[in-house]
N, C-alpha and C. Protein backbone atom coordinates (compact mmCIF):
# COMPACT_ATOMS: atom_id res chain seq x y z
N MET A 1 -22.81 -7.44 8.37
CA MET A 1 -22.06 -6.00 9.24
C MET A 1 -22.26 -5.19 9.15
N THR A 2 -22.17 -4.20 9.65
CA THR A 2 -22.94 -2.86 9.39
C THR A 2 -21.30 -2.56 9.41
N GLN A 3 -21.27 -1.35 7.97
CA GLN A 3 -20.16 -0.45 8.21
C GLN A 3 -19.81 0.65 8.59
N GLU A 4 -18.13 1.16 8.36
CA GLU A 4 -18.21 2.26 9.39
C GLU A 4 -17.63 3.31 8.41
N TYR A 5 -17.71 4.18 8.70
CA TYR A 5 -17.18 5.64 8.10
C TYR A 5 -15.93 6.41 9.25
N HIS A 6 -14.88 6.29 9.16
CA HIS A 6 -13.82 7.22 10.12
C HIS A 6 -13.66 8.61 9.43
N VAL A 7 -13.79 9.35 10.09
CA VAL A 7 -13.33 10.83 9.53
C VAL A 7 -12.35 11.19 11.08
N THR A 8 -10.91 11.59 10.26
CA THR A 8 -10.07 12.09 12.00
C THR A 8 -9.61 13.25 10.94
N SER A 9 -8.84 14.25 12.00
CA SER A 9 -8.70 15.61 11.55
C SER A 9 -7.15 15.35 12.71
N LEU A 10 -6.24 15.73 12.18
CA LEU A 10 -4.77 16.30 12.44
C LEU A 10 -4.22 17.36 11.91
N VAL A 11 -3.32 17.58 12.98
CA VAL A 11 -2.40 18.98 13.21
C VAL A 11 -0.77 18.38 12.76
N VAL A 12 -0.55 18.73 11.55
CA VAL A 12 1.33 17.85 11.31
C VAL A 12 1.96 19.44 11.09
N HIS A 13 2.97 19.01 11.63
CA HIS A 13 3.99 20.22 11.54
C HIS A 13 5.48 19.26 10.98
N ALA A 14 5.66 20.22 9.83
CA ALA A 14 6.96 19.40 8.72
C ALA A 14 8.09 21.10 8.86
N ALA A 15 8.89 20.24 8.59
CA ALA A 15 10.07 21.09 8.38
C ALA A 15 9.52 22.56 7.95
N PRO A 16 9.79 23.37 7.81
CA PRO A 16 9.97 24.67 6.52
C PRO A 16 10.31 24.69 5.25
N GLY A 17 11.52 24.12 5.23
CA GLY A 17 11.99 23.81 3.64
C GLY A 17 11.33 22.52 3.17
N GLN A 18 10.48 22.14 3.58
CA GLN A 18 9.77 20.57 2.87
C GLN A 18 8.28 20.78 2.95
N VAL A 19 7.79 22.01 2.79
CA VAL A 19 6.50 22.45 2.74
C VAL A 19 5.89 21.47 1.37
N ALA A 20 6.66 22.05 0.49
CA ALA A 20 6.13 21.32 -0.48
C ALA A 20 5.94 19.89 -0.82
N LYS A 21 7.10 19.38 -0.70
CA LYS A 21 7.51 17.59 -0.65
C LYS A 21 6.23 17.33 0.30
N VAL A 22 6.22 17.55 1.42
CA VAL A 22 5.19 16.90 2.11
C VAL A 22 3.96 17.16 1.68
N THR A 23 4.02 18.26 1.29
CA THR A 23 1.86 18.56 0.45
C THR A 23 2.03 17.66 -0.12
N GLU A 24 3.10 17.53 -1.27
CA GLU A 24 2.87 16.21 -2.31
C GLU A 24 2.86 15.22 -1.94
N ASP A 25 2.86 14.49 -1.21
CA ASP A 25 3.47 13.38 -0.29
C ASP A 25 1.94 13.27 0.52
N ILE A 26 1.04 13.94 1.31
CA ILE A 26 -0.05 13.72 1.31
C ILE A 26 -0.89 13.57 0.78
N ASN A 27 -0.77 14.43 -0.51
CA ASN A 27 -2.22 14.66 -1.31
C ASN A 27 -2.53 13.26 -2.19
N ALA A 28 -0.96 12.64 -1.79
CA ALA A 28 -1.29 11.39 -2.60
C ALA A 28 -1.45 10.10 -1.62
N LEU A 29 -2.07 10.12 -0.73
CA LEU A 29 -2.69 9.65 -0.10
C LEU A 29 -4.10 9.56 -0.22
N ALA A 30 -4.91 8.27 -0.23
CA ALA A 30 -6.03 8.10 -0.14
C ALA A 30 -6.66 8.78 1.15
N GLY A 31 -7.95 9.03 0.53
CA GLY A 31 -8.91 10.10 1.74
C GLY A 31 -7.57 10.86 2.59
N ALA A 32 -6.75 11.50 1.92
CA ALA A 32 -6.05 12.71 2.67
C ALA A 32 -6.70 14.08 1.95
N ASP A 33 -7.15 14.98 2.62
CA ASP A 33 -7.19 16.36 2.49
C ASP A 33 -6.41 17.61 3.31
N ILE A 34 -5.80 18.31 2.55
CA ILE A 34 -5.14 19.02 3.05
C ILE A 34 -5.95 20.40 2.97
N HIS A 35 -6.63 20.95 3.83
CA HIS A 35 -7.37 21.85 4.54
C HIS A 35 -6.91 23.46 4.93
N ALA A 36 -5.50 23.37 4.86
CA ALA A 36 -4.61 24.90 5.58
C ALA A 36 -2.79 24.04 5.75
N VAL A 37 -2.53 24.91 5.17
CA VAL A 37 -1.36 25.01 5.61
C VAL A 37 -0.69 26.67 5.49
N THR A 38 0.45 26.34 6.21
CA THR A 38 1.62 27.72 6.43
C THR A 38 2.88 27.39 5.75
N ASP A 39 3.76 28.83 5.75
CA ASP A 39 5.13 28.78 5.46
C ASP A 39 5.97 27.85 6.12
N GLU A 40 5.35 28.56 7.47
CA GLU A 40 6.05 27.55 8.51
C GLU A 40 6.19 26.05 9.01
N GLY A 41 5.34 25.45 7.90
CA GLY A 41 4.97 23.43 8.39
C GLY A 41 4.14 23.55 8.84
N LYS A 42 3.14 24.06 9.46
CA LYS A 42 1.73 23.69 10.21
C LYS A 42 0.85 23.62 9.03
N PHE A 43 0.39 22.15 9.13
CA PHE A 43 -0.73 21.87 8.18
C PHE A 43 -2.18 21.38 8.99
N ILE A 44 -3.35 21.71 8.58
CA ILE A 44 -4.40 21.01 8.76
C ILE A 44 -5.05 19.90 7.85
N ILE A 45 -5.15 19.06 8.70
CA ILE A 45 -5.05 17.47 7.19
C ILE A 45 -6.71 16.40 7.81
N THR A 46 -7.70 16.53 6.94
CA THR A 46 -8.47 15.20 7.73
C THR A 46 -7.75 14.19 6.63
N LEU A 47 -8.22 13.22 7.64
CA LEU A 47 -8.30 11.36 6.65
C LEU A 47 -9.86 11.18 6.80
N GLU A 48 -10.15 10.01 5.55
CA GLU A 48 -11.31 9.76 5.69
C GLU A 48 -11.26 8.29 5.57
N GLY A 49 -12.05 7.18 5.88
CA GLY A 49 -11.84 6.07 5.57
C GLY A 49 -12.50 5.21 5.91
N ALA A 50 -12.65 3.43 5.77
CA ALA A 50 -13.70 2.42 5.92
C ALA A 50 -13.59 2.29 7.50
N THR A 51 -12.28 2.15 7.68
CA THR A 51 -12.17 1.51 9.26
C THR A 51 -11.23 2.26 9.96
N GLN A 52 -10.63 1.77 10.98
CA GLN A 52 -10.07 2.54 11.77
C GLN A 52 -8.59 2.52 11.51
N GLY A 53 -8.16 0.98 11.03
CA GLY A 53 -7.01 0.25 10.66
C GLY A 53 -6.73 1.35 9.27
N ALA A 54 -7.72 1.63 8.55
CA ALA A 54 -7.21 2.43 7.51
C ALA A 54 -6.83 3.77 7.55
N ILE A 55 -7.34 4.37 8.59
CA ILE A 55 -7.08 5.60 9.05
C ILE A 55 -5.16 5.83 9.34
N LEU A 56 -5.44 4.96 10.73
CA LEU A 56 -4.21 4.24 11.48
C LEU A 56 -2.54 4.21 10.15
N ASP A 57 -3.09 3.77 9.06
CA ASP A 57 -1.86 3.53 8.35
C ASP A 57 -1.51 4.78 7.61
N ASN A 58 -2.63 5.34 7.46
CA ASN A 58 -2.25 6.82 6.81
C ASN A 58 -1.46 7.90 7.57
N VAL A 59 -1.76 7.65 9.12
CA VAL A 59 -1.24 8.52 10.12
C VAL A 59 0.35 8.03 10.38
N GLU A 60 0.66 6.51 10.04
CA GLU A 60 1.72 6.19 10.26
C GLU A 60 2.38 7.06 8.82
N ALA A 61 1.78 6.70 7.81
CA ALA A 61 2.55 6.93 6.39
C ALA A 61 2.77 8.59 6.27
N ILE A 62 2.11 9.02 7.38
CA ILE A 62 2.25 10.67 7.75
C ILE A 62 3.59 10.54 8.48
N ASN A 63 3.49 10.20 9.73
CA ASN A 63 4.61 10.41 10.52
C ASN A 63 6.16 9.76 9.82
N ALA A 64 5.79 9.00 8.65
CA ALA A 64 7.22 8.63 8.35
C ALA A 64 7.62 9.00 7.52
N LEU A 65 7.24 10.43 6.80
CA LEU A 65 7.11 11.12 5.51
C LEU A 65 8.78 12.19 5.95
N SER A 66 9.46 11.99 4.69
CA SER A 66 10.41 12.85 5.31
C SER A 66 10.14 14.34 5.13
N GLY A 67 10.47 14.61 6.18
CA GLY A 67 10.29 16.80 6.42
C GLY A 67 9.35 16.24 7.64
N VAL A 68 8.85 15.59 7.82
CA VAL A 68 7.47 15.68 8.77
C VAL A 68 8.26 15.64 10.69
N LEU A 69 8.00 16.57 11.05
CA LEU A 69 8.38 16.28 12.48
C LEU A 69 7.56 15.84 13.02
N SER A 70 6.52 16.06 13.22
CA SER A 70 5.52 15.73 14.32
C SER A 70 3.86 15.96 13.64
N SER A 71 3.04 14.88 14.44
CA SER A 71 1.42 15.43 13.81
C SER A 71 0.68 15.18 15.41
N SER A 72 -0.38 15.77 15.46
CA SER A 72 -0.83 15.50 16.88
C SER A 72 -2.26 15.42 16.08
N LEU A 73 -3.20 14.08 16.74
CA LEU A 73 -4.84 13.60 16.02
C LEU A 73 -5.45 14.77 16.99
N VAL A 74 -6.22 15.62 16.54
CA VAL A 74 -7.26 16.36 17.13
C VAL A 74 -8.67 15.65 17.30
N TYR A 75 -9.35 15.11 16.12
CA TYR A 75 -10.40 14.63 16.27
C TYR A 75 -10.39 13.24 15.52
N HIS A 76 -11.73 12.41 16.30
CA HIS A 76 -11.74 10.85 15.33
C HIS A 76 -13.19 10.74 15.47
N GLN A 77 -14.14 10.20 14.49
CA GLN A 77 -15.76 10.30 14.93
C GLN A 77 -15.77 8.76 13.36
N VAL A 78 -16.68 8.31 14.34
CA VAL A 78 -17.31 6.68 13.94
C VAL A 78 -18.84 7.14 13.38
N GLU A 79 -18.83 6.96 12.08
CA GLU A 79 -20.54 6.75 11.95
C GLU A 79 -20.73 5.08 11.16
N PRO A 80 -21.62 4.37 11.74
CA PRO A 80 -22.15 3.84 11.15
C PRO A 80 -23.09 3.69 10.04
N ILE A 81 -22.75 3.01 8.72
CA ILE A 81 -22.92 3.23 7.89
C ILE A 81 -23.97 2.13 7.35
N GLU A 82 -25.23 2.87 7.44
CA GLU A 82 -26.82 1.37 7.11
C GLU A 82 -26.89 1.29 5.70
N GLU A 83 -26.74 -0.51 5.41
CA GLU A 83 -26.79 -0.72 4.14
C GLU A 83 -28.59 -0.10 4.07
N LYS A 84 -28.73 -0.58 2.57
CA LYS A 84 -30.62 -0.03 2.26
C LYS A 84 -30.95 -1.32 2.07
N SER A 85 -32.52 -2.12 2.28
CA SER A 85 -32.30 -2.96 2.14
C SER A 85 -33.00 -3.01 0.61
N GLU A 86 -32.88 -4.38 -0.55
CA GLU A 86 -33.58 -4.08 -1.51
C GLU A 86 -34.76 -3.36 -1.98
N GLU A 87 -35.66 -3.62 -0.81
CA GLU A 87 -37.28 -2.75 -0.80
C GLU A 87 -37.30 -1.85 -0.34
N THR A 88 -36.05 -0.65 -0.18
CA THR A 88 -36.03 0.41 0.18
C THR A 88 -35.54 1.40 -1.54
N PRO A 89 -36.85 2.26 -1.83
CA PRO A 89 -36.33 2.69 -3.23
C PRO A 89 -34.97 3.52 -3.22
């Protein structure tokens, strides 16, 4: 079975008064990285995971965070991860 690597980017809008809490909560998610955030509550986030389900779970978790107003999927890429054979050095 071929393993996969998924990477997704999101724009997340949060209530301005909740930026610190939303930052903390997103940083607690496995595979989530915040690349930019504004005082007005706009975030640029990437999610990485082994399955589409793992990515969707994190998107749903972000949408459920207190203070998050909306999120928009910007990009999603899937790459196969080739397993090395025992003969490959």
